[in-house]
Amino acid sequence: MTRAKNLDMVAPDDMVETKRELRNEIVENKVEPAMVKDINKTKKKKMVAKTDITGDLNDRIYGIVGHTKHSLSSLLVNPHVFDFEERAAEEKIILVARPHWFTNVSWIIISILLVLAPSLLGFIPIIDDIPARFKTIGVLVWYLITFAYAFENFLSWYFDVYIITDERVIDISFNNLLDKKFSEAKLSMIQDVTSRVSGLGQTMFNYGTVYIQTAAEVAEIQFEMIPNPEKIIKVLQLLRQEEERETLEGRVR
């Protein structure tokens, strides 16, 4: 049967089919592209808003702590030279803290004294009776022990870090090559943050311990002997405020 082109002459069944085709054409050519454009605009607005919020947050943190990104610094802000294996894929590191450099003075002095110790052997008369090759072996062993002592203390300072991300606070305690402790708490679980600076050295060089009380499994996390503890507290307060605002707005990092 040949379909008439004039709609007035179309059979009832053909009329229904024709209307359906016209409606589908309208949906395909007009409605769906408009919906796609609206969705794309909404996504772009959300991305721009998130970028603005992140940039503003970074600027405020820089304003509190300053720009410190050297890998050996005791404070690293938004570091690109640091990472840890437990970090989630989209988790962003805000700040990394280590014990203040002044805490290394004691083991550095001891290491220097240990290095100089073999030069004092000449003042001990009994040492002259020991064969030269045994003296050499003894000195080499002494220097090896000294190096191991200094290297382990350096590793303990370098990897004993306290991390603040956009989701949680983390304490990684590196006691030695075979002993590492990992503690964490979500930002939303933080209940109270205090600090303590005591003694002449801590007061002069402005470092101390930050105590973070949480409602998590770990009741308290301590950032020990870190520089500028008051600034760390301000950063945590800022992140907690941002966390609360995200909760109210229904945003997810």
C-alpha atoms as a PDB file:
ATOM      1  CA  MET A   1       0.000   0.000   0.000  1.00  0.00           C
ATOM      2  CA  THR A   2       1.388   3.411  -1.020  1.00  0.00           C
ATOM      3  CA  ARG A   3       1.438   6.010   1.766  1.00  0.00           C
ATOM      4  CA  ALA A   4      -0.129   9.373   0.886  1.00  0.00           C
ATOM      5  CA  LYS A   5       2.030  12.426   1.397  1.00  0.00           C
ATOM      6  CA  ASN A   6      -0.918  14.648   2.308  1.00  0.00           C
ATOM      7  CA  LEU A   7      -1.663  14.164   6.016  1.00  0.00           C
ATOM      8  CA  ASP A   8      -5.391  14.737   5.415  1.00  0.00           C
ATOM      9  CA  MET A   9      -5.448  11.660   3.215  1.00  0.00           C
ATOM     10  CA  VAL A  10      -3.426   9.411   5.524  1.00  0.00           C
ATOM     11  CA  ALA A  11      -5.087   6.323   6.941  1.00  0.00           C
ATOM     12  CA  PRO A  12      -5.618   6.242  10.766  1.00  0.00           C
ATOM     13  CA  ASP A  13      -2.833   3.716  11.348  1.00  0.00           C
ATOM     14  CA  ASP A  14      -0.465   5.682   9.165  1.00  0.00           C
ATOM     15  CA  MET A  15      -1.437   8.883  10.974  1.00  0.00           C
ATOM     16  CA  VAL A  16      -0.446   7.405  14.340  1.00  0.00           C
ATOM     17  CA  GLU A  17       2.834   6.143  12.954  1.00  0.00           C
ATOM     18  CA  THR A  18       3.578   9.472  11.291  1.00  0.00           C
ATOM     19  CA  LYS A  19       2.936  11.398  14.510  1.00  0.00           C
ATOM     20  CA  ARG A  20       5.198   9.004  16.384  1.00  0.00           C
ATOM     21  CA  GLU A  21       7.964   9.537  13.835  1.00  0.00           C
ATOM     22  CA  LEU A  22       7.573  13.312  14.057  1.00  0.00           C
ATOM     23  CA  ARG A  23       7.663  13.196  17.847  1.00  0.00           C
ATOM     24  CA  ASN A  24      10.796  11.026  17.823  1.00  0.00           C
ATOM     25  CA  GLU A  25      12.430  13.385  15.360  1.00  0.00           C
ATOM     26  CA  ILE A  26      11.695  16.353  17.621  1.00  0.00           C
ATOM     27  CA  VAL A  27      13.127  14.541  20.635  1.00  0.00           C
ATOM     28  CA  GLU A  28      16.222  13.408  18.777  1.00  0.00           C
ATOM     29  CA  ASN A  29      16.972  16.688  17.024  1.00  0.00           C
ATOM     30  CA  LYS A  30      15.879  19.280  19.575  1.00  0.00           C
ATOM     31  CA  VAL A  31      15.248  18.043  23.078  1.00  0.00           C
ATOM     32  CA  GLU A  32      18.231  15.743  23.621  1.00  0.00           C
ATOM     33  CA  PRO A  33      20.902  18.171  22.340  1.00  0.00           C
ATOM     34  CA  ALA A  34      19.442  20.856  24.593  1.00  0.00           C
ATOM     35  CA  MET A  35      19.561  18.508  27.551  1.00  0.00           C
ATOM     36  CA  VAL A  36      23.160  17.573  26.749  1.00  0.00           C
ATOM     37  CA  LYS A  37      24.111  21.241  26.573  1.00  0.00           C
ATOM     38  CA  ASP A  38      22.484  21.912  29.942  1.00  0.00           C
ATOM     39  CA  ILE A  39      24.285  18.942  31.506  1.00  0.00           C
ATOM     40  CA  ASN A  40      27.619  20.067  30.071  1.00  0.00           C
ATOM     41  CA  LYS A  41      27.052  23.599  31.347  1.00  0.00           C
ATOM     42  CA  THR A  42      26.214  22.260  34.810  1.00  0.00           C
ATOM     43  CA  LYS A  43      29.349  20.100  34.854  1.00  0.00           C
ATOM     44  CA  LYS A  44      31.504  23.022  33.745  1.00  0.00           C
ATOM     45  CA  LYS A  45      30.028  25.244  36.454  1.00  0.00           C
ATOM     46  CA  LYS A  46      30.734  22.591  39.104  1.00  0.00           C
ATOM     47  CA  MET A  47      34.300  22.114  37.849  1.00  0.00           C
ATOM     48  CA  VAL A  48      34.927  25.865  37.862  1.00  0.00           C
ATOM     49  CA  ALA A  49      33.409  26.199  41.335  1.00  0.00           C
ATOM     50  CA  LYS A  50      35.517  23.330  42.669  1.00  0.00           C
ATOM     51  CA  THR A  51      38.666  24.807  41.106  1.00  0.00           C
ATOM     52  CA  ASP A  52      37.904  28.203  42.625  1.00  0.00           C
ATOM     53  CA  ILE A  53      37.335  26.652  46.064  1.00  0.00           C
ATOM     54  CA  THR A  54      40.537  24.591  45.867  1.00  0.00           C
ATOM     55  CA  GLY A  55      42.577  27.561  44.683  1.00  0.00           C
ATOM     56  CA  ASP A  56      41.157  29.799  47.402  1.00  0.00           C
ATOM     57  CA  LEU A  57      41.884  27.148  50.045  1.00  0.00           C
ATOM     58  CA  ASN A  58      45.479  26.781  48.848  1.00  0.00           C
ATOM     59  CA  ASP A  59      45.984  30.547  48.941  1.00  0.00           C
ATOM     60  CA  ARG A  60      44.668  30.713  52.502  1.00  0.00           C
ATOM     61  CA  ILE A  61      46.957  27.864  53.608  1.00  0.00           C
ATOM     62  CA  TYR A  62      49.933  29.567  51.945  1.00  0.00           C
ATOM     63  CA  GLY A  63      48.954  32.709  53.810  1.00  0.00           C
ATOM     64  CA  ILE A  64      49.135  30.816  57.111  1.00  0.00           C
ATOM     65  CA  VAL A  65      52.215  28.639  56.647  1.00  0.00           C
ATOM     66  CA  GLY A  66      54.030  30.190  53.688  1.00  0.00           C
ATOM     67  CA  HIS A  67      55.633  28.502  50.673  1.00  0.00           C
ATOM     68  CA  THR A  68      57.917  25.671  51.787  1.00  0.00           C
ATOM     69  CA  LYS A  69      58.522  22.879  49.282  1.00  0.00           C
ATOM     70  CA  HIS A  70      62.146  21.811  49.798  1.00  0.00           C
ATOM     71  CA  SER A  71      62.297  18.039  50.270  1.00  0.00           C
ATOM     72  CA  LEU A  72      64.368  18.388  53.472  1.00  0.00           C
ATOM     73  CA  SER A  73      62.168  21.069  54.997  1.00  0.00           C
ATOM     74  CA  SER A  74      60.360  20.376  58.257  1.00  0.00           C
ATOM     75  CA  LEU A  75      57.189  21.803  56.686  1.00  0.00           C
ATOM     76  CA  LEU A  76      56.049  21.009  53.155  1.00  0.00           C
ATOM     77  CA  VAL A  77      52.962  22.772  51.789  1.00  0.00           C
ATOM     78  CA  ASN A  78      51.169  21.123  48.835  1.00  0.00           C
ATOM     79  CA  PRO A  79      54.302  19.053  48.158  1.00  0.00           C
ATOM     80  CA  HIS A  80      54.970  17.508  44.752  1.00  0.00           C
ATOM     81  CA  VAL A  81      58.097  15.734  45.993  1.00  0.00           C
ATOM     82  CA  PHE A  82      56.335  13.661  48.644  1.00  0.00           C
ATOM     83  CA  ASP A  83      53.866  10.790  48.558  1.00  0.00           C
ATOM     84  CA  PHE A  84      52.885   7.800  50.688  1.00  0.00           C
ATOM     85  CA  GLU A  85      51.626   4.383  49.672  1.00  0.00           C
ATOM     86  CA  GLU A  86      48.395   4.544  51.708  1.00  0.00           C
ATOM     87  CA  ARG A  87      47.148   7.660  49.883  1.00  0.00           C
ATOM     88  CA  ALA A  88      43.849   7.291  48.007  1.00  0.00           C
ATOM     89  CA  ALA A  89      43.776   8.047  44.280  1.00  0.00           C
ATOM     90  CA  GLU A  90      41.977  11.414  44.572  1.00  0.00           C
ATOM     91  CA  GLU A  91      43.294  12.335  48.011  1.00  0.00           C
ATOM     92  CA  LYS A  92      45.334  15.537  48.035  1.00  0.00           C
ATOM     93  CA  ILE A  93      48.235  16.146  50.410  1.00  0.00           C
ATOM     94  CA  ILE A  94      47.844  19.568  52.005  1.00  0.00           C
ATOM     95  CA  LEU A  95      50.792  19.639  54.392  1.00  0.00           C
ATOM     96  CA  VAL A  96      53.631  17.395  55.559  1.00  0.00           C
ATOM     97  CA  ALA A  97      55.467  18.058  58.826  1.00  0.00           C
ATOM     98  CA  ARG A  98      58.586  16.540  60.344  1.00  0.00           C
ATOM     99  CA  PRO A  99      60.243  17.137  63.711  1.00  0.00           C
ATOM    100  CA  HIS A 100      62.072  20.465  63.825  1.00  0.00           C
ATOM    101  CA  TRP A 101      65.665  20.382  62.547  1.00  0.00           C
ATOM    102  CA  PHE A 102      66.918  21.347  66.009  1.00  0.00           C
ATOM    103  CA  THR A 103      65.897  17.887  67.271  1.00  0.00           C
ATOM    104  CA  ASN A 104      68.734  16.457  65.132  1.00  0.00           C
ATOM    105  CA  VAL A 105      71.479  18.404  66.899  1.00  0.00           C
ATOM    106  CA  SER A 106      72.130  15.778  69.596  1.00  0.00           C
ATOM    107  CA  TRP A 107      72.756  12.816  67.278  1.00  0.00           C
ATOM    108  CA  ILE A 108      74.737  14.985  64.850  1.00  0.00           C
ATOM    109  CA  ILE A 109      77.106  16.031  67.661  1.00  0.00           C
ATOM    110  CA  ILE A 110      77.433  12.419  68.814  1.00  0.00           C
ATOM    111  CA  SER A 111      78.196  11.314  65.242  1.00  0.00           C
ATOM    112  CA  ILE A 112      80.931  13.945  64.910  1.00  0.00           C
ATOM    113  CA  LEU A 113      82.509  12.827  68.180  1.00  0.00           C
ATOM    114  CA  LEU A 114      82.401   9.202  67.034  1.00  0.00           C
ATOM    115  CA  VAL A 115      84.147  10.160  63.785  1.00  0.00           C
ATOM    116  CA  LEU A 116      86.894  11.964  65.712  1.00  0.00           C
ATOM    117  CA  ALA A 117      87.317   9.204  68.304  1.00  0.00           C
ATOM    118  CA  PRO A 118      89.847   7.034  66.341  1.00  0.00           C
ATOM    119  CA  SER A 119      92.248   9.978  66.153  1.00  0.00           C
ATOM    120  CA  LEU A 120      92.512   9.825  69.951  1.00  0.00           C
ATOM    121  CA  LEU A 121      93.731   6.218  69.948  1.00  0.00           C
ATOM    122  CA  GLY A 122      97.343   7.384  69.665  1.00  0.00           C
ATOM    123  CA  PHE A 123      97.146   8.735  73.196  1.00  0.00           C
ATOM    124  CA  ILE A 124      96.422   5.246  74.590  1.00  0.00           C
ATOM    125  CA  PRO A 125      99.761   3.393  75.127  1.00  0.00           C
ATOM    126  CA  ILE A 126      98.300  -0.117  74.878  1.00  0.00           C
ATOM    127  CA  ILE A 127      97.101   0.578  71.337  1.00  0.00           C
ATOM    128  CA  ASP A 128     100.725   0.638  70.115  1.00  0.00           C
ATOM    129  CA  ASP A 129     101.049  -3.091  70.844  1.00  0.00           C
ATOM    130  CA  ILE A 130      98.213  -3.996  68.451  1.00  0.00           C
ATOM    131  CA  PRO A 131      99.289  -4.978  64.905  1.00  0.00           C
ATOM    132  CA  ALA A 132      98.637  -2.312  62.271  1.00  0.00           C
ATOM    133  CA  ARG A 133      96.240  -4.432  60.212  1.00  0.00           C
ATOM    134  CA  PHE A 134      94.045  -5.065  63.260  1.00  0.00           C
ATOM    135  CA  LYS A 135      94.057  -1.348  63.954  1.00  0.00           C
ATOM    136  CA  THR A 136      92.911  -0.691  60.389  1.00  0.00           C
ATOM    137  CA  ILE A 137      90.133  -3.273  60.605  1.00  0.00           C
ATOM    138  CA  GLY A 138      89.045  -1.905  63.980  1.00  0.00           C
ATOM    139  CA  VAL A 139      88.917   1.672  62.660  1.00  0.00           C
ATOM    140  CA  LEU A 140      86.917   0.601  59.582  1.00  0.00           C
ATOM    141  CA  VAL A 141      84.417  -1.267  61.758  1.00  0.00           C
ATOM    142  CA  TRP A 142      84.176   1.779  64.027  1.00  0.00           C
ATOM    143  CA  TYR A 143      83.420   4.087  61.098  1.00  0.00           C
ATOM    144  CA  LEU A 144      80.875   1.606  59.751  1.00  0.00           C
ATOM    145  CA  ILE A 145      79.052   1.583  63.084  1.00  0.00           C
ATOM    146  CA  THR A 146      79.212   5.380  63.216  1.00  0.00           C
ATOM    147  CA  PHE A 147      77.765   5.674  59.717  1.00  0.00           C
ATOM    148  CA  ALA A 148      74.971   3.206  60.558  1.00  0.00           C
ATOM    149  CA  TYR A 149      74.122   5.202  63.690  1.00  0.00           C
ATOM    150  CA  ALA A 150      73.974   8.520  61.833  1.00  0.00           C
ATOM    151  CA  PHE A 151      72.110   7.074  58.844  1.00  0.00           C
ATOM    152  CA  GLU A 152      69.430   5.417  60.974  1.00  0.00           C
ATOM    153  CA  ASN A 153      68.854   8.640  62.907  1.00  0.00           C
ATOM    154  CA  PHE A 154      68.536  10.571  59.657  1.00  0.00           C
ATOM    155  CA  LEU A 155      66.059   8.047  58.238  1.00  0.00           C
ATOM    156  CA  SER A 156      64.067   8.168  61.458  1.00  0.00           C
ATOM    157  CA  TRP A 157      63.812  11.967  61.180  1.00  0.00           C
ATOM    158  CA  TYR A 158      63.131  12.013  57.434  1.00  0.00           C
ATOM    159  CA  PHE A 159      60.426   9.328  57.363  1.00  0.00           C
ATOM    160  CA  ASP A 160      58.860  10.108  60.743  1.00  0.00           C
ATOM    161  CA  VAL A 161      56.223  12.383  59.220  1.00  0.00           C
ATOM    162  CA  TYR A 162      52.867  13.901  60.052  1.00  0.00           C
ATOM    163  CA  ILE A 163      50.534  14.385  57.108  1.00  0.00           C
ATOM    164  CA  ILE A 164      47.434  16.507  56.640  1.00  0.00           C
ATOM    165  CA  THR A 165      45.361  15.738  53.546  1.00  0.00           C
ATOM    166  CA  ASP A 166      42.004  17.045  52.381  1.00  0.00           C
ATOM    167  CA  GLU A 167      40.396  14.009  54.045  1.00  0.00           C
ATOM    168  CA  ARG A 168      42.383  13.011  57.147  1.00  0.00           C
ATOM    169  CA  VAL A 169      45.347  13.490  59.469  1.00  0.00           C
ATOM    170  CA  ILE A 170      48.054  10.826  59.482  1.00  0.00           C
ATOM    171  CA  ASP A 171      50.931   9.951  61.804  1.00  0.00           C
ATOM    172  CA  ILE A 172      53.653   7.735  60.305  1.00  0.00           C
ATOM    173  CA  SER A 173      56.138   6.786  63.009  1.00  0.00           C
ATOM    174  CA  PHE A 174      59.370   5.363  61.589  1.00  0.00           C
ATOM    175  CA  ASN A 175      61.265   3.792  64.475  1.00  0.00           C
ATOM    176  CA  ASN A 176      63.732   1.808  62.369  1.00  0.00           C
ATOM    177  CA  LEU A 177      63.944  -0.095  59.090  1.00  0.00           C
ATOM    178  CA  LEU A 178      61.812  -2.917  60.499  1.00  0.00           C
ATOM    179  CA  ASP A 179      59.310  -0.939  62.564  1.00  0.00           C
ATOM    180  CA  LYS A 180      56.787   1.550  61.145  1.00  0.00           C
ATOM    181  CA  LYS A 181      53.511   2.630  62.752  1.00  0.00           C
ATOM    182  CA  PHE A 182      50.596   4.177  60.834  1.00  0.00           C
ATOM    183  CA  SER A 183      47.777   6.079  62.584  1.00  0.00           C
ATOM    184  CA  GLU A 184      45.006   8.132  61.004  1.00  0.00           C
ATOM    185  CA  ALA A 185      41.743   9.953  61.671  1.00  0.00           C
ATOM    186  CA  LYS A 186      39.226  11.604  59.362  1.00  0.00           C
ATOM    187  CA  LEU A 187      38.979  15.387  59.507  1.00  0.00           C
ATOM    188  CA  SER A 188      35.316  15.007  60.423  1.00  0.00           C
ATOM    189  CA  MET A 189      36.358  12.974  63.483  1.00  0.00           C
ATOM    190  CA  ILE A 190      38.558  15.709  64.985  1.00  0.00           C
ATOM    191  CA  GLN A 191      37.074  17.023  68.226  1.00  0.00           C
ATOM    192  CA  ASP A 192      39.780  19.252  69.675  1.00  0.00           C
ATOM    193  CA  VAL A 193      43.283  20.452  68.802  1.00  0.00           C
ATOM    194  CA  THR A 194      45.812  21.848  71.279  1.00  0.00           C
ATOM    195  CA  SER A 195      49.558  22.462  71.316  1.00  0.00           C
ATOM    196  CA  ARG A 196      52.376  22.585  73.836  1.00  0.00           C
ATOM    197  CA  VAL A 197      55.702  24.411  73.636  1.00  0.00           C
ATOM    198  CA  SER A 198      57.951  23.858  76.646  1.00  0.00           C
ATOM    199  CA  GLY A 199      61.605  24.416  77.444  1.00  0.00           C
ATOM    200  CA  LEU A 200      64.171  26.940  76.290  1.00  0.00           C
ATOM    201  CA  GLY A 201      65.002  25.240  72.991  1.00  0.00           C
ATOM    202  CA  GLN A 202      61.374  24.859  71.905  1.00  0.00           C
ATOM    203  CA  THR A 203      60.578  28.446  72.855  1.00  0.00           C
ATOM    204  CA  MET A 204      63.622  29.880  71.050  1.00  0.00           C
ATOM    205  CA  PHE A 205      63.089  27.908  67.840  1.00  0.00           C
ATOM    206  CA  ASN A 206      59.274  27.844  68.016  1.00  0.00           C
ATOM    207  CA  TYR A 207      58.528  24.149  67.851  1.00  0.00           C
ATOM    208  CA  GLY A 208      56.416  21.841  69.969  1.00  0.00           C
ATOM    209  CA  THR A 209      53.766  19.124  69.968  1.00  0.00           C
ATOM    210  CA  VAL A 210      50.229  19.335  68.566  1.00  0.00           C
ATOM    211  CA  TYR A 211      47.637  17.114  70.264  1.00  0.00           C
ATOM    212  CA  ILE A 212      44.670  16.106  68.085  1.00  0.00           C
ATOM    213  CA  GLN A 213      41.736  14.614  69.988  1.00  0.00           C
ATOM    214  CA  THR A 214      39.506  12.476  67.765  1.00  0.00           C
ATOM    215  CA  ALA A 215      36.382  10.343  67.881  1.00  0.00           C
ATOM    216  CA  ALA A 216      38.098   7.716  65.738  1.00  0.00           C
ATOM    217  CA  GLU A 217      39.619   4.404  66.802  1.00  0.00           C
ATOM    218  CA  VAL A 218      42.818   6.277  67.696  1.00  0.00           C
ATOM    219  CA  ALA A 219      41.685   8.644  70.440  1.00  0.00           C
ATOM    220  CA  GLU A 220      44.666  10.998  70.114  1.00  0.00           C
ATOM    221  CA  ILE A 221      47.187  11.721  67.386  1.00  0.00           C
ATOM    222  CA  GLN A 222      50.314  13.663  68.289  1.00  0.00           C
ATOM    223  CA  PHE A 223      52.413  15.716  65.900  1.00  0.00           C
ATOM    224  CA  GLU A 224      55.589  15.731  67.982  1.00  0.00           C
ATOM    225  CA  MET A 225      58.276  18.432  67.930  1.00  0.00           C
ATOM    226  CA  ILE A 226      57.013  20.101  64.747  1.00  0.00           C
ATOM    227  CA  PRO A 227      57.764  23.732  63.836  1.00  0.00           C
ATOM    228  CA  ASN A 228      55.118  26.449  64.212  1.00  0.00           C
ATOM    229  CA  PRO A 229      52.492  24.376  66.057  1.00  0.00           C
ATOM    230  CA  GLU A 230      50.071  27.333  66.197  1.00  0.00           C
ATOM    231  CA  LYS A 231      50.069  27.543  62.398  1.00  0.00           C
ATOM    232  CA  ILE A 232      49.349  23.827  62.134  1.00  0.00           C
ATOM    233  CA  ILE A 233      46.322  24.307  64.386  1.00  0.00           C
ATOM    234  CA  LYS A 234      45.073  27.132  62.139  1.00  0.00           C
ATOM    235  CA  VAL A 235      45.415  24.908  59.063  1.00  0.00           C
ATOM    236  CA  LEU A 236      43.448  22.126  60.775  1.00  0.00           C
ATOM    237  CA  GLN A 237      40.737  24.577  61.809  1.00  0.00           C
ATOM    238  CA  LEU A 238      40.518  25.865  58.240  1.00  0.00           C
ATOM    239  CA  LEU A 239      40.196  22.344  56.823  1.00  0.00           C
ATOM    240  CA  ARG A 240      37.560  21.447  59.411  1.00  0.00           C
ATOM    241  CA  GLN A 241      35.531  24.500  58.386  1.00  0.00           C
ATOM    242  CA  GLU A 242      35.839  23.494  54.733  1.00  0.00           C
ATOM    243  CA  GLU A 243      34.791  19.940  55.636  1.00  0.00           C
ATOM    244  CA  GLU A 244      31.689  21.223  57.423  1.00  0.00           C
ATOM    245  CA  ARG A 245      30.820  23.509  54.509  1.00  0.00           C
ATOM    246  CA  GLU A 246      31.124  20.619  52.057  1.00  0.00           C
ATOM    247  CA  THR A 247      28.829  18.532  54.233  1.00  0.00           C
ATOM    248  CA  LEU A 248      26.203  21.288  54.299  1.00  0.00           C
ATOM    249  CA  GLU A 249      26.435  21.871  50.548  1.00  0.00           C
ATOM    250  CA  GLY A 250      26.426  18.156  49.766  1.00  0.00           C
ATOM    251  CA  ARG A 251      29.741  18.327  47.942  1.00  0.00           C
ATOM    252  CA  VAL A 252      32.121  15.384  47.878  1.00  0.00           C
ATOM    253  CA  ARG A 253      35.860  15.680  47.359  1.00  0.00           C
END
